[in-house]
């Protein structure tokens, strides 16, 4: 007897049983071929989804820094005023 169910599809129309797998497929497709032989993109896509909240926080901090630079213009070079640690 037939049964109904819920499925999820990536942007290419591939079927997945859960939204995480569909999203990872789309991320992997966006990344493209990484490495030689079998692509590392699916594993990286899994990590990106797993670390999503940390990545979103990093991108938010990055956006804040970029806005500060835009508001101030170019930031002055202060490398001559920074103490260098001994090797």
PDB file of N, CA and C in Angstrom:
ATOM      1  N   UNK A   1       0.843  -1.170   0.000  1.00  0.00           N
ATOM      2  CA  UNK A   1       0.000   0.000   0.000  1.00  0.00           C
ATOM      3  C   UNK A   1       0.897   1.245   0.000  1.00  0.00           C
ATOM      4  N   UNK A   2       0.500   2.221  -0.735  1.00  0.00           N
ATOM      5  CA  UNK A   2       1.265   3.462  -0.818  1.00  0.00           C
ATOM      6  C   UNK A   2       1.146   4.248   0.477  1.00  0.00           C
ATOM      7  N   UNK A   3       2.214   4.972   0.775  1.00  0.00           N
ATOM      8  CA  UNK A   3       2.231   5.822   1.967  1.00  0.00           C
ATOM      9  C   UNK A   3       2.694   7.210   1.568  1.00  0.00           C
ATOM     10  N   UNK A   4       2.231   8.186   2.308  1.00  0.00           N
ATOM     11  CA  UNK A   4       2.672   9.548   2.031  1.00  0.00           C
ATOM     12  C   UNK A   4       3.819   9.891   2.965  1.00  0.00           C
ATOM     13  N   UNK A   5       4.602  10.858   2.577  1.00  0.00           N
ATOM     14  CA  UNK A   5       5.729  11.266   3.405  1.00  0.00           C
ATOM     15  C   UNK A   5       6.183  12.661   3.033  1.00  0.00           C
ATOM     16  N   UNK A   6       7.184  13.104   3.721  1.00  0.00           N
ATOM     17  CA  UNK A   6       7.744  14.426   3.473  1.00  0.00           C
ATOM     18  C   UNK A   6       9.146  14.260   2.919  1.00  0.00           C
ATOM     19  N   UNK A   7       9.457  15.028   1.914  1.00  0.00           N
ATOM     20  CA  UNK A   7      10.783  15.008   1.321  1.00  0.00           C
ATOM     21  C   UNK A   7      11.294  16.417   1.131  1.00  0.00           C
ATOM     22  N   UNK A   8      12.583  16.501   0.938  1.00  0.00           N
ATOM     23  CA  UNK A   8      13.233  17.793   0.744  1.00  0.00           C
ATOM     24  C   UNK A   8      14.098  17.698  -0.505  1.00  0.00           C
ATOM     25  N   UNK A   9      14.175  18.774  -1.238  1.00  0.00           N
ATOM     26  CA  UNK A   9      14.877  18.773  -2.510  1.00  0.00           C
ATOM     27  C   UNK A   9      15.922  19.881  -2.522  1.00  0.00           C
ATOM     28  N   UNK A  10      17.096  19.564  -3.086  1.00  0.00           N
ATOM     29  CA  UNK A  10      18.108  20.601  -3.258  1.00  0.00           C
ATOM     30  C   UNK A  10      17.772  21.399  -4.512  1.00  0.00           C
ATOM     31  N   UNK A  11      18.607  22.364  -4.838  1.00  0.00           N
ATOM     32  CA  UNK A  11      18.310  23.241  -5.977  1.00  0.00           C
ATOM     33  C   UNK A  11      18.355  22.507  -7.315  1.00  0.00           C
ATOM     34  N   UNK A  12      18.980  21.335  -7.355  1.00  0.00           N
ATOM     35  CA  UNK A  12      19.020  20.548  -8.592  1.00  0.00           C
ATOM     36  C   UNK A  12      17.837  19.593  -8.698  1.00  0.00           C
ATOM     37  N   UNK A  13      17.023  19.523  -7.649  1.00  0.00           N
ATOM     38  CA  UNK A  13      15.857  18.655  -7.663  1.00  0.00           C
ATOM     39  C   UNK A  13      16.107  17.273  -7.092  1.00  0.00           C
ATOM     40  N   UNK A  14      17.287  17.056  -6.492  1.00  0.00           N
ATOM     41  CA  UNK A  14      17.575  15.769  -5.860  1.00  0.00           C
ATOM     42  C   UNK A  14      16.792  15.644  -4.561  1.00  0.00           C
ATOM     43  N   UNK A  15      16.260  14.447  -4.305  1.00  0.00           N
ATOM     44  CA  UNK A  15      15.440  14.188  -3.130  1.00  0.00           C
ATOM     45  C   UNK A  15      16.306  13.835  -1.922  1.00  0.00           C
ATOM     46  N   UNK A  16      15.940  14.358  -0.761  1.00  0.00           N
ATOM     47  CA  UNK A  16      16.594  14.039   0.505  1.00  0.00           C
ATOM     48  C   UNK A  16      15.529  13.826   1.563  1.00  0.00           C
ATOM     49  N   UNK A  17      15.847  13.027   2.549  1.00  0.00           N
ATOM     50  CA  UNK A  17      14.884  12.704   3.598  1.00  0.00           C
ATOM     51  C   UNK A  17      14.783  13.784   4.666  1.00  0.00           C
ATOM     52  N   UNK A  18      15.828  14.635   4.766  1.00  0.00           N
ATOM     53  CA  UNK A  18      15.772  15.697   5.774  1.00  0.00           C
ATOM     54  C   UNK A  18      16.362  16.981   5.200  1.00  0.00           C
ATOM     55  N   UNK A  19      16.024  18.123   5.789  1.00  0.00           N
ATOM     56  CA  UNK A  19      16.483  19.406   5.246  1.00  0.00           C
ATOM     57  C   UNK A  19      17.996  19.591   5.352  1.00  0.00           C
ATOM     58  N   UNK A  20      18.626  18.984   6.357  1.00  0.00           N
ATOM     59  CA  UNK A  20      20.072  19.133   6.512  1.00  0.00           C
ATOM     60  C   UNK A  20      20.812  18.576   5.298  1.00  0.00           C
ATOM     61  N   UNK A  21      20.406  17.395   4.849  1.00  0.00           N
ATOM     62  CA  UNK A  21      21.065  16.783   3.702  1.00  0.00           C
ATOM     63  C   UNK A  21      20.854  17.600   2.431  1.00  0.00           C
ATOM     64  N   UNK A  22      19.659  18.136   2.246  1.00  0.00           N
ATOM     65  CA  UNK A  22      19.386  18.961   1.067  1.00  0.00           C
ATOM     66  C   UNK A  22      20.231  20.228   1.096  1.00  0.00           C
ATOM     67  N   UNK A  23      20.344  20.847   2.264  1.00  0.00           N
ATOM     68  CA  UNK A  23      21.139  22.063   2.389  1.00  0.00           C
ATOM     69  C   UNK A  23      22.617  21.765   2.169  1.00  0.00           C
ATOM     70  N   UNK A  24      23.107  20.668   2.737  1.00  0.00           N
ATOM     71  CA  UNK A  24      24.511  20.296   2.535  1.00  0.00           C
ATOM     72  C   UNK A  24      24.800  20.045   1.060  1.00  0.00           C
ATOM     73  N   UNK A  25      23.852  19.468   0.352  1.00  0.00           N
ATOM     74  CA  UNK A  25      24.019  19.246  -1.081  1.00  0.00           C
ATOM     75  C   UNK A  25      24.152  20.569  -1.828  1.00  0.00           C
ATOM     76  N   UNK A  26      23.313  21.547  -1.472  1.00  0.00           N
ATOM     77  CA  UNK A  26      23.391  22.858  -2.121  1.00  0.00           C
ATOM     78  C   UNK A  26      24.710  23.562  -1.792  1.00  0.00           C
ATOM     79  N   UNK A  27      25.154  23.463  -0.536  1.00  0.00           N
ATOM     80  CA  UNK A  27      26.427  24.088  -0.149  1.00  0.00           C
ATOM     81  C   UNK A  27      27.576  23.432  -0.911  1.00  0.00           C
ATOM     82  N   UNK A  28      27.577  22.106  -0.989  1.00  0.00           N
ATOM     83  CA  UNK A  28      28.630  21.394  -1.709  1.00  0.00           C
ATOM     84  C   UNK A  28      28.649  21.798  -3.188  1.00  0.00           C
ATOM     85  N   UNK A  29      27.485  21.949  -3.778  1.00  0.00           N
ATOM     86  CA  UNK A  29      27.411  22.384  -5.177  1.00  0.00           C
ATOM     87  C   UNK A  29      27.958  23.797  -5.335  1.00  0.00           C
ATOM     88  N   UNK A  30      27.662  24.652  -4.378  1.00  0.00           N
ATOM     89  CA  UNK A  30      28.166  26.022  -4.407  1.00  0.00           C
ATOM     90  C   UNK A  30      29.696  26.043  -4.306  1.00  0.00           C
ATOM     91  N   UNK A  31      30.255  25.180  -3.451  1.00  0.00           N
ATOM     92  CA  UNK A  31      31.700  25.118  -3.280  1.00  0.00           C
ATOM     93  C   UNK A  31      32.398  24.533  -4.498  1.00  0.00           C
ATOM     94  N   UNK A  32      31.739  23.620  -5.180  1.00  0.00           N
ATOM     95  CA  UNK A  32      32.331  23.000  -6.356  1.00  0.00           C
ATOM     96  C   UNK A  32      33.353  21.938  -5.974  1.00  0.00           C
ATOM     97  N   UNK A  33      34.168  21.558  -6.946  1.00  0.00           N
ATOM     98  CA  UNK A  33      35.195  20.531  -6.741  1.00  0.00           C
ATOM     99  C   UNK A  33      36.319  21.097  -5.884  1.00  0.00           C
ATOM    100  N   UNK A  34      36.579  20.455  -4.764  1.00  0.00           N
ATOM    101  CA  UNK A  34      37.682  20.842  -3.891  1.00  0.00           C
ATOM    102  C   UNK A  34      38.589  19.637  -3.740  1.00  0.00           C
ATOM    103  N   UNK A  35      39.832  19.793  -4.105  1.00  0.00           N
ATOM    104  CA  UNK A  35      40.791  18.703  -4.011  1.00  0.00           C
ATOM    105  C   UNK A  35      40.782  17.851  -5.261  1.00  0.00           C
ATOM    106  N   UNK A  36      41.740  16.945  -5.296  1.00  0.00           N
ATOM    107  CA  UNK A  36      41.835  16.034  -6.435  1.00  0.00           C
ATOM    108  C   UNK A  36      41.107  14.751  -6.096  1.00  0.00           C
ATOM    109  N   UNK A  37      40.606  14.083  -7.096  1.00  0.00           N
ATOM    110  CA  UNK A  37      39.838  12.864  -6.856  1.00  0.00           C
ATOM    111  C   UNK A  37      38.458  13.224  -6.345  1.00  0.00           C
ATOM    112  N   UNK A  38      38.004  12.474  -5.336  1.00  0.00           N
ATOM    113  CA  UNK A  38      36.687  12.755  -4.768  1.00  0.00           C
ATOM    114  C   UNK A  38      36.727  14.105  -4.041  1.00  0.00           C
ATOM    115  N   UNK A  39      35.766  14.948  -4.319  1.00  0.00           N
ATOM    116  CA  UNK A  39      35.738  16.304  -3.764  1.00  0.00           C
ATOM    117  C   UNK A  39      35.594  16.303  -2.246  1.00  0.00           C
ATOM    118  N   UNK A  40      36.239  17.261  -1.617  1.00  0.00           N
ATOM    119  CA  UNK A  40      36.102  17.473  -0.182  1.00  0.00           C
ATOM    120  C   UNK A  40      34.880  18.328   0.149  1.00  0.00           C
ATOM    121  N   UNK A  41      34.213  18.866  -0.876  1.00  0.00           N
ATOM    122  CA  UNK A  41      33.098  19.788  -0.679  1.00  0.00           C
ATOM    123  C   UNK A  41      31.972  19.215   0.195  1.00  0.00           C
ATOM    124  N   UNK A  42      31.559  17.960   0.037  1.00  0.00           N
ATOM    125  CA  UNK A  42      30.489  17.460   0.915  1.00  0.00           C
ATOM    126  C   UNK A  42      30.868  17.482   2.392  1.00  0.00           C
ATOM    127  N   UNK A  43      32.096  17.116   2.715  1.00  0.00           N
ATOM    128  CA  UNK A  43      32.540  17.158   4.109  1.00  0.00           C
ATOM    129  C   UNK A  43      32.622  18.573   4.638  1.00  0.00           C
ATOM    130  N   UNK A  44      33.101  19.483   3.804  1.00  0.00           N
ATOM    131  CA  UNK A  44      33.179  20.893   4.199  1.00  0.00           C
ATOM    132  C   UNK A  44      31.770  21.449   4.380  1.00  0.00           C
ATOM    133  N   UNK A  45      30.857  21.073   3.495  1.00  0.00           N
ATOM    134  CA  UNK A  45      29.461  21.518   3.616  1.00  0.00           C
ATOM    135  C   UNK A  45      28.867  21.049   4.934  1.00  0.00           C
ATOM    136  N   UNK A  46      29.174  19.812   5.323  1.00  0.00           N
ATOM    137  CA  UNK A  46      28.692  19.286   6.603  1.00  0.00           C
ATOM    138  C   UNK A  46      29.233  20.122   7.761  1.00  0.00           C
ATOM    139  N   UNK A  47      30.530  20.436   7.727  1.00  0.00           N
ATOM    140  CA  UNK A  47      31.129  21.249   8.791  1.00  0.00           C
ATOM    141  C   UNK A  47      30.546  22.657   8.830  1.00  0.00           C
ATOM    142  N   UNK A  48      30.327  23.250   7.660  1.00  0.00           N
ATOM    143  CA  UNK A  48      29.757  24.597   7.614  1.00  0.00           C
ATOM    144  C   UNK A  48      28.366  24.621   8.252  1.00  0.00           C
ATOM    145  N   UNK A  49      27.558  23.613   7.956  1.00  0.00           N
ATOM    146  CA  UNK A  49      26.216  23.560   8.533  1.00  0.00           C
ATOM    147  C   UNK A  49      26.298  23.290  10.032  1.00  0.00           C
ATOM    148  N   UNK A  50      27.228  22.428  10.430  1.00  0.00           N
ATOM    149  CA  UNK A  50      27.409  22.096  11.843  1.00  0.00           C
ATOM    150  C   UNK A  50      27.889  23.306  12.649  1.00  0.00           C
ATOM    151  N   UNK A  51      28.745  24.121  12.047  1.00  0.00           N
ATOM    152  CA  UNK A  51      29.331  25.284  12.731  1.00  0.00           C
ATOM    153  C   UNK A  51      28.613  26.580  12.367  1.00  0.00           C
ATOM    154  N   UNK A  52      27.411  26.470  11.864  1.00  0.00           N
ATOM    155  CA  UNK A  52      26.664  27.621  11.347  1.00  0.00           C
ATOM    156  C   UNK A  52      26.596  28.792  12.319  1.00  0.00           C
ATOM    157  N   UNK A  53      26.241  28.551  13.576  1.00  0.00           N
ATOM    158  CA  UNK A  53      26.087  29.666  14.519  1.00  0.00           C
ATOM    159  C   UNK A  53      27.421  30.365  14.765  1.00  0.00           C
ATOM    160  N   UNK A  54      28.495  29.598  14.851  1.00  0.00           N
ATOM    161  CA  UNK A  54      29.817  30.209  15.026  1.00  0.00           C
ATOM    162  C   UNK A  54      30.199  31.029  13.796  1.00  0.00           C
ATOM    163  N   UNK A  55      29.922  30.480  12.619  1.00  0.00           N
ATOM    164  CA  UNK A  55      30.235  31.204  11.384  1.00  0.00           C
ATOM    165  C   UNK A  55      29.404  32.472  11.250  1.00  0.00           C
ATOM    166  N   UNK A  56      28.119  32.395  11.603  1.00  0.00           N
ATOM    167  CA  UNK A  56      27.273  33.587  11.536  1.00  0.00           C
ATOM    168  C   UNK A  56      27.793  34.676  12.470  1.00  0.00           C
ATOM    169  N   UNK A  57      28.271  34.286  13.662  1.00  0.00           N
ATOM    170  CA  UNK A  57      28.835  35.261  14.597  1.00  0.00           C
ATOM    171  C   UNK A  57      30.100  35.884  14.015  1.00  0.00           C
ATOM    172  N   UNK A  58      30.947  35.066  13.396  1.00  0.00           N
ATOM    173  CA  UNK A  58      32.166  35.601  12.773  1.00  0.00           C
ATOM    174  C   UNK A  58      31.839  36.572  11.641  1.00  0.00           C
ATOM    175  N   UNK A  59      30.861  36.204  10.808  1.00  0.00           N
ATOM    176  CA  UNK A  59      30.481  37.098   9.719  1.00  0.00           C
ATOM    177  C   UNK A  59      29.864  38.392  10.245  1.00  0.00           C
ATOM    178  N   UNK A  60      29.111  38.316  11.336  1.00  0.00           N
ATOM    179  CA  UNK A  60      28.546  39.530  11.933  1.00  0.00           C
ATOM    180  C   UNK A  60      29.660  40.440  12.432  1.00  0.00           C
ATOM    181  N   UNK A  61      30.675  39.857  13.082  1.00  0.00           N
ATOM    182  CA  UNK A  61      31.817  40.651  13.530  1.00  0.00           C
ATOM    183  C   UNK A  61      32.550  41.257  12.341  1.00  0.00           C
ATOM    184  N   UNK A  62      32.707  40.468  11.292  1.00  0.00           N
ATOM    185  CA  UNK A  62      33.372  40.966  10.082  1.00  0.00           C
ATOM    186  C   UNK A  62      32.600  42.145   9.486  1.00  0.00           C
ATOM    187  N   UNK A  63      31.289  42.012   9.395  1.00  0.00           N
ATOM    188  CA  UNK A  63      30.461  43.093   8.855  1.00  0.00           C
ATOM    189  C   UNK A  63      30.588  44.357   9.708  1.00  0.00           C
ATOM    190  N   UNK A  64      30.637  44.195  11.031  1.00  0.00           N
ATOM    191  CA  UNK A  64      30.800  45.345  11.924  1.00  0.00           C
ATOM    192  C   UNK A  64      32.138  46.025  11.671  1.00  0.00           C
ATOM    193  N   UNK A  65      33.208  45.234  11.536  1.00  0.00           N
ATOM    194  CA  UNK A  65      34.528  45.814  11.261  1.00  0.00           C
ATOM    195  C   UNK A  65      34.548  46.517   9.907  1.00  0.00           C
ATOM    196  N   UNK A  66      33.903  45.913   8.912  1.00  0.00           N
ATOM    197  CA  UNK A  66      33.876  46.531   7.579  1.00  0.00           C
ATOM    198  C   UNK A  66      33.102  47.843   7.602  1.00  0.00           C
ATOM    199  N   UNK A  67      32.009  47.895   8.356  1.00  0.00           N
ATOM    200  CA  UNK A  67      31.264  49.146   8.481  1.00  0.00           C
ATOM    201  C   UNK A  67      32.100  50.216   9.167  1.00  0.00           C
ATOM    202  N   UNK A  68      32.857  49.826  10.197  1.00  0.00           N
ATOM    203  CA  UNK A  68      33.716  50.788  10.897  1.00  0.00           C
ATOM    204  C   UNK A  68      34.774  51.345   9.957  1.00  0.00           C
ATOM    205  N   UNK A  69      35.353  50.495   9.124  1.00  0.00           N
ATOM    206  CA  UNK A  69      36.352  50.952   8.158  1.00  0.00           C
ATOM    207  C   UNK A  69      35.704  51.886   7.147  1.00  0.00           C
ATOM    208  N   UNK A  70      34.507  51.529   6.701  1.00  0.00           N
ATOM    209  CA  UNK A  70      33.813  52.368   5.722  1.00  0.00           C
ATOM    210  C   UNK A  70      33.490  53.739   6.315  1.00  0.00           C
ATOM    211  N   UNK A  71      33.075  53.751   7.599  1.00  0.00           N
ATOM    212  CA  UNK A  71      32.726  55.007   8.253  1.00  0.00           C
ATOM    213  C   UNK A  71      33.947  55.897   8.470  1.00  0.00           C
ATOM    214  N   UNK A  72      35.082  55.306   8.766  1.00  0.00           N
ATOM    215  CA  UNK A  72      36.304  56.073   9.044  1.00  0.00           C
ATOM    216  C   UNK A  72      37.169  56.291   7.832  1.00  0.00           C
ATOM    217  N   UNK A  73      36.899  55.600   6.767  1.00  0.00           N
ATOM    218  CA  UNK A  73      37.793  55.634   5.627  1.00  0.00           C
ATOM    219  C   UNK A  73      38.909  54.626   5.864  1.00  0.00           C
ATOM    220  N   UNK A  74      39.997  54.802   5.176  1.00  0.00           N
ATOM    221  CA  UNK A  74      41.113  53.876   5.333  1.00  0.00           C
ATOM    222  C   UNK A  74      41.713  54.004   6.722  1.00  0.00           C
ATOM    223  N   UNK A  75      42.048  52.880   7.305  1.00  0.00           N
ATOM    224  CA  UNK A  75      42.647  52.857   8.632  1.00  0.00           C
ATOM    225  C   UNK A  75      44.140  53.121   8.489  1.00  0.00           C
ATOM    226  N   UNK A  76      44.685  53.970   9.371  1.00  0.00           N
ATOM    227  CA  UNK A  76      46.102  54.318   9.313  1.00  0.00           C
ATOM    228  C   UNK A  76      46.956  53.098   9.636  1.00  0.00           C
ATOM    229  N   UNK A  77      48.124  53.044   9.013  1.00  0.00           N
ATOM    230  CA  UNK A  77      49.072  51.964   9.272  1.00  0.00           C
ATOM    231  C   UNK A  77      49.806  52.263  10.573  1.00  0.00           C
ATOM    232  N   UNK A  78      49.648  51.388  11.557  1.00  0.00           N
ATOM    233  CA  UNK A  78      50.284  51.597  12.857  1.00  0.00           C
ATOM    234  C   UNK A  78      51.281  50.495  13.184  1.00  0.00           C
ATOM    235  N   UNK A  79      51.742  49.780  12.177  1.00  0.00           N
ATOM    236  CA  UNK A  79      52.646  48.662  12.441  1.00  0.00           C
ATOM    237  C   UNK A  79      53.939  49.103  13.108  1.00  0.00           C
ATOM    238  N   UNK A  80      54.386  50.352  12.871  1.00  0.00           N
ATOM    239  CA  UNK A  80      55.613  50.825  13.522  1.00  0.00           C
ATOM    240  C   UNK A  80      55.385  51.125  15.006  1.00  0.00           C
ATOM    241  N   UNK A  81      54.137  51.165  15.453  1.00  0.00           N
ATOM    242  CA  UNK A  81      53.826  51.458  16.843  1.00  0.00           C
ATOM    243  C   UNK A  81      53.479  50.208  17.640  1.00  0.00           C
ATOM    244  N   UNK A  82      53.552  49.055  16.997  1.00  0.00           N
ATOM    245  CA  UNK A  82      53.212  47.808  17.659  1.00  0.00           C
ATOM    246  C   UNK A  82      54.497  47.099  18.074  1.00  0.00           C
ATOM    247  N   UNK A  83      54.556  46.702  19.347  1.00  0.00           N
ATOM    248  CA  UNK A  83      55.752  46.003  19.832  1.00  0.00           C
ATOM    249  C   UNK A  83      55.829  44.620  19.206  1.00  0.00           C
ATOM    250  N   UNK A  84      57.025  44.262  18.797  1.00  0.00           N
ATOM    251  CA  UNK A  84      57.234  42.953  18.187  1.00  0.00           C
ATOM    252  C   UNK A  84      57.710  41.988  19.265  1.00  0.00           C
ATOM    253  N   UNK A  85      57.176  40.790  19.271  1.00  0.00           N
ATOM    254  CA  UNK A  85      57.565  39.775  20.221  1.00  0.00           C
ATOM    255  C   UNK A  85      58.878  39.125  19.760  1.00  0.00           C
ATOM    256  N   UNK A  86      59.731  38.744  20.711  1.00  0.00           N
ATOM    257  CA  UNK A  86      60.969  38.072  20.304  1.00  0.00           C
ATOM    258  C   UNK A  86      60.643  36.693  19.728  1.00  0.00           C
ATOM    259  N   UNK A  87      61.477  36.265  18.803  1.00  0.00           N
ATOM    260  CA  UNK A  87      61.247  34.950  18.143  1.00  0.00           C
ATOM    261  C   UNK A  87      61.430  33.836  19.074  1.00  0.00           C
TER     262      UNK A  87
END
